[in-house]
Amino acid sequence: MKLLLDTHVFLWLQTEPERVGPAAETLVDDAHELLLSAASSWEIAIKHALGRLPLPVGPSDYVPSRARRSGVDLMAVEHGDALAVADLPPHHRDPFDRLLVAQARRHDLTLVTADRGLGRYDVPILAVV
């Protein structure tokens, strides 16, 4: 199974893995492939720069080192991914989440998230918490 981690799930796995919940934690541990989108790296960088996301080191060090440590592969955003956002119904306004949904749909991934609003899209969801 290929799992695309929502930004908050990636961050929780680094600092508060208990927030992911036992069922989801087991599935994440057993996943064949864990992915983190460049959209999540972008979101982390923006929130850190705005002072809304404290990190022990800068995002350019934090994201790749924590991804390597937790067995998460980094996934690029392709033009087709970005353009596929236009085909999504307006269920959700967050541009980062909409891009993650588009990527999950285009690449046959299951999106791991605690955001119940993303369940309205036609994409497999692994709900945490």
C-alpha atoms as a PDB file:
ATOM      1  CA  MET A   1       0.000   0.000   0.000  1.00  0.00           C
ATOM      2  CA  LYS A   2       1.267   3.487  -0.861  1.00  0.00           C
ATOM      3  CA  LEU A   3       0.401   6.137   1.710  1.00  0.00           C
ATOM      4  CA  LEU A   4       0.618   9.893   1.186  1.00  0.00           C
ATOM      5  CA  LEU A   5       0.996  11.619   4.545  1.00  0.00           C
ATOM      6  CA  ASP A   6      -0.866  14.837   5.202  1.00  0.00           C
ATOM      7  CA  THR A   7       1.478  17.483   6.610  1.00  0.00           C
ATOM      8  CA  HIS A   8       0.123  17.277  10.150  1.00  0.00           C
ATOM      9  CA  VAL A   9       0.443  13.475  10.173  1.00  0.00           C
ATOM     10  CA  PHE A  10       4.104  13.697   9.147  1.00  0.00           C
ATOM     11  CA  LEU A  11       4.732  16.241  11.908  1.00  0.00           C
ATOM     12  CA  TRP A  12       2.852  14.159  14.483  1.00  0.00           C
ATOM     13  CA  LEU A  13       4.872  11.066  13.579  1.00  0.00           C
ATOM     14  CA  GLN A  14       8.015  13.072  14.386  1.00  0.00           C
ATOM     15  CA  THR A  15       6.919  14.640  17.664  1.00  0.00           C
ATOM     16  CA  GLU A  16       3.690  13.052  18.940  1.00  0.00           C
ATOM     17  CA  PRO A  17       3.215   9.623  17.338  1.00  0.00           C
ATOM     18  CA  GLU A  18       0.505   8.772  19.864  1.00  0.00           C
ATOM     19  CA  ARG A  19      -1.747  11.334  18.114  1.00  0.00           C
ATOM     20  CA  VAL A  20      -1.841   9.124  15.022  1.00  0.00           C
ATOM     21  CA  GLY A  21      -3.765   6.455  16.914  1.00  0.00           C
ATOM     22  CA  PRO A  22      -3.027   2.745  17.226  1.00  0.00           C
ATOM     23  CA  ALA A  23      -4.883   1.437  14.139  1.00  0.00           C
ATOM     24  CA  ALA A  24      -3.420   4.037  11.813  1.00  0.00           C
ATOM     25  CA  GLU A  25       0.011   3.699  13.416  1.00  0.00           C
ATOM     26  CA  THR A  26      -0.033  -0.036  12.646  1.00  0.00           C
ATOM     27  CA  LEU A  27      -1.010   0.604   9.018  1.00  0.00           C
ATOM     28  CA  VAL A  28       1.662   3.273   8.650  1.00  0.00           C
ATOM     29  CA  ASP A  29       4.255   0.907  10.158  1.00  0.00           C
ATOM     30  CA  ASP A  30       3.188  -1.861   7.747  1.00  0.00           C
ATOM     31  CA  ALA A  31       2.907   0.371   4.660  1.00  0.00           C
ATOM     32  CA  HIS A  32       4.948  -0.589   1.646  1.00  0.00           C
ATOM     33  CA  GLU A  33       5.684   3.039   0.872  1.00  0.00           C
ATOM     34  CA  LEU A  34       5.239   6.251   2.863  1.00  0.00           C
ATOM     35  CA  LEU A  35       5.343   9.481   0.890  1.00  0.00           C
ATOM     36  CA  LEU A  36       5.579  13.159   1.778  1.00  0.00           C
ATOM     37  CA  SER A  37       4.642  15.615  -0.930  1.00  0.00           C
ATOM     38  CA  ALA A  38       6.724  18.658  -1.796  1.00  0.00           C
ATOM     39  CA  ALA A  39       3.455  20.501  -1.075  1.00  0.00           C
ATOM     40  CA  SER A  40       3.860  19.507   2.582  1.00  0.00           C
ATOM     41  CA  SER A  41       7.467  20.712   2.591  1.00  0.00           C
ATOM     42  CA  TRP A  42       6.228  24.012   1.162  1.00  0.00           C
ATOM     43  CA  GLU A  43       3.523  24.242   3.854  1.00  0.00           C
ATOM     44  CA  ILE A  44       6.053  23.492   6.608  1.00  0.00           C
ATOM     45  CA  ALA A  45       8.467  26.126   5.238  1.00  0.00           C
ATOM     46  CA  ILE A  46       5.748  28.789   5.043  1.00  0.00           C
ATOM     47  CA  LYS A  47       4.369  28.114   8.527  1.00  0.00           C
ATOM     48  CA  HIS A  48       7.867  28.055   9.997  1.00  0.00           C
ATOM     49  CA  ALA A  49       8.762  31.368   8.307  1.00  0.00           C
ATOM     50  CA  LEU A  50       5.578  32.929   9.697  1.00  0.00           C
ATOM     51  CA  GLY A  51       6.489  31.769  13.206  1.00  0.00           C
ATOM     52  CA  ARG A  52       3.513  29.404  13.397  1.00  0.00           C
ATOM     53  CA  LEU A  53       5.570  26.194  13.360  1.00  0.00           C
ATOM     54  CA  PRO A  54       8.580  26.049  15.673  1.00  0.00           C
ATOM     55  CA  LEU A  55      11.176  23.485  14.613  1.00  0.00           C
ATOM     56  CA  PRO A  56      14.466  22.502  16.292  1.00  0.00           C
ATOM     57  CA  VAL A  57      16.295  23.235  13.002  1.00  0.00           C
ATOM     58  CA  GLY A  58      15.274  24.969   9.790  1.00  0.00           C
ATOM     59  CA  PRO A  59      12.835  23.236   7.433  1.00  0.00           C
ATOM     60  CA  SER A  60      15.543  22.533   4.845  1.00  0.00           C
ATOM     61  CA  ASP A  61      17.284  20.326   7.426  1.00  0.00           C
ATOM     62  CA  TYR A  62      14.242  19.161   9.380  1.00  0.00           C
ATOM     63  CA  VAL A  63      12.114  17.690   6.588  1.00  0.00           C
ATOM     64  CA  PRO A  64      14.734  15.571   4.777  1.00  0.00           C
ATOM     65  CA  SER A  65      16.433  14.348   7.962  1.00  0.00           C
ATOM     66  CA  ARG A  66      13.153  13.379   9.659  1.00  0.00           C
ATOM     67  CA  ALA A  67      11.850  11.794   6.465  1.00  0.00           C
ATOM     68  CA  ARG A  68      14.986   9.645   6.170  1.00  0.00           C
ATOM     69  CA  ARG A  69      14.813   8.718   9.855  1.00  0.00           C
ATOM     70  CA  SER A  70      11.174   7.639   9.577  1.00  0.00           C
ATOM     71  CA  GLY A  71      11.421   5.853   6.215  1.00  0.00           C
ATOM     72  CA  VAL A  72       9.377   8.447   4.332  1.00  0.00           C
ATOM     73  CA  ASP A  73      10.124   9.078   0.659  1.00  0.00           C
ATOM     74  CA  LEU A  74       9.901  12.619  -0.666  1.00  0.00           C
ATOM     75  CA  MET A  75       7.510  13.093  -3.593  1.00  0.00           C
ATOM     76  CA  ALA A  76       7.765  15.880  -6.157  1.00  0.00           C
ATOM     77  CA  VAL A  77       4.793  17.906  -7.327  1.00  0.00           C
ATOM     78  CA  GLU A  78       4.315  17.477 -11.064  1.00  0.00           C
ATOM     79  CA  HIS A  79       2.578  19.983 -13.315  1.00  0.00           C
ATOM     80  CA  GLY A  80      -0.211  17.465 -13.844  1.00  0.00           C
ATOM     81  CA  ASP A  81      -0.721  17.282 -10.074  1.00  0.00           C
ATOM     82  CA  ALA A  82      -1.041  21.044  -9.790  1.00  0.00           C
ATOM     83  CA  LEU A  83      -3.379  21.269 -12.767  1.00  0.00           C
ATOM     84  CA  ALA A  84      -5.563  18.422 -11.464  1.00  0.00           C
ATOM     85  CA  VAL A  85      -6.614  20.691  -8.572  1.00  0.00           C
ATOM     86  CA  ALA A  86      -8.867  22.488 -11.089  1.00  0.00           C
ATOM     87  CA  ASP A  87     -10.898  19.279 -11.498  1.00  0.00           C
ATOM     88  CA  LEU A  88     -11.685  18.978  -7.775  1.00  0.00           C
ATOM     89  CA  PRO A  89     -15.057  20.048  -6.399  1.00  0.00           C
ATOM     90  CA  PRO A  90     -14.826  22.928  -3.895  1.00  0.00           C
ATOM     91  CA  HIS A  91     -15.217  20.767  -0.770  1.00  0.00           C
ATOM     92  CA  HIS A  92     -12.115  22.166   0.857  1.00  0.00           C
ATOM     93  CA  ARG A  93     -10.431  25.567   0.613  1.00  0.00           C
ATOM     94  CA  ASP A  94      -6.917  24.755   1.851  1.00  0.00           C
ATOM     95  CA  PRO A  95      -4.643  24.810  -1.232  1.00  0.00           C
ATOM     96  CA  PHE A  96      -2.096  22.440   0.308  1.00  0.00           C
ATOM     97  CA  ASP A  97      -4.755  19.830   1.095  1.00  0.00           C
ATOM     98  CA  ARG A  98      -6.333  20.196  -2.340  1.00  0.00           C
ATOM     99  CA  LEU A  99      -2.957  19.500  -3.943  1.00  0.00           C
ATOM    100  CA  LEU A 100      -2.481  16.431  -1.739  1.00  0.00           C
ATOM    101  CA  VAL A 101      -5.908  15.146  -2.821  1.00  0.00           C
ATOM    102  CA  ALA A 102      -5.013  15.719  -6.474  1.00  0.00           C
ATOM    103  CA  GLN A 103      -1.732  13.844  -6.036  1.00  0.00           C
ATOM    104  CA  ALA A 104      -3.404  10.960  -4.241  1.00  0.00           C
ATOM    105  CA  ARG A 105      -5.969  10.651  -7.010  1.00  0.00           C
ATOM    106  CA  ARG A 106      -3.462  10.869  -9.871  1.00  0.00           C
ATOM    107  CA  HIS A 107      -0.961   8.430  -8.356  1.00  0.00           C
ATOM    108  CA  ASP A 108      -3.359   5.913  -6.767  1.00  0.00           C
ATOM    109  CA  LEU A 109      -2.307   6.736  -3.209  1.00  0.00           C
ATOM    110  CA  THR A 110      -4.156   6.529   0.082  1.00  0.00           C
ATOM    111  CA  LEU A 111      -4.138   9.866   1.895  1.00  0.00           C
ATOM    112  CA  VAL A 112      -3.392   9.615   5.634  1.00  0.00           C
ATOM    113  CA  THR A 113      -5.100  12.509   7.428  1.00  0.00           C
ATOM    114  CA  ALA A 114      -7.076  13.610  10.459  1.00  0.00           C
ATOM    115  CA  ASP A 115      -8.944  16.144   8.320  1.00  0.00           C
ATOM    116  CA  ARG A 116     -12.456  14.706   7.988  1.00  0.00           C
ATOM    117  CA  GLY A 117     -13.300  17.244   5.279  1.00  0.00           C
ATOM    118  CA  LEU A 118     -10.986  15.476   2.850  1.00  0.00           C
ATOM    119  CA  GLY A 119     -13.207  12.388   3.023  1.00  0.00           C
ATOM    120  CA  ARG A 120     -15.688  14.169   0.758  1.00  0.00           C
ATOM    121  CA  TYR A 121     -13.314  13.725  -2.172  1.00  0.00           C
ATOM    122  CA  ASP A 122     -13.150  10.619  -4.316  1.00  0.00           C
ATOM    123  CA  VAL A 123      -9.841   9.452  -2.874  1.00  0.00           C
ATOM    124  CA  PRO A 124      -8.941   6.628  -0.476  1.00  0.00           C
ATOM    125  CA  ILE A 125      -8.451   7.995   3.045  1.00  0.00           C
ATOM    126  CA  LEU A 126      -6.784   6.427   6.053  1.00  0.00           C
ATOM    127  CA  ALA A 127      -8.259   8.423   8.916  1.00  0.00           C
ATOM    128  CA  VAL A 128      -6.140   8.994  11.987  1.00  0.00           C
ATOM    129  CA  VAL A 129      -7.484   9.915  15.423  1.00  0.00           C
END
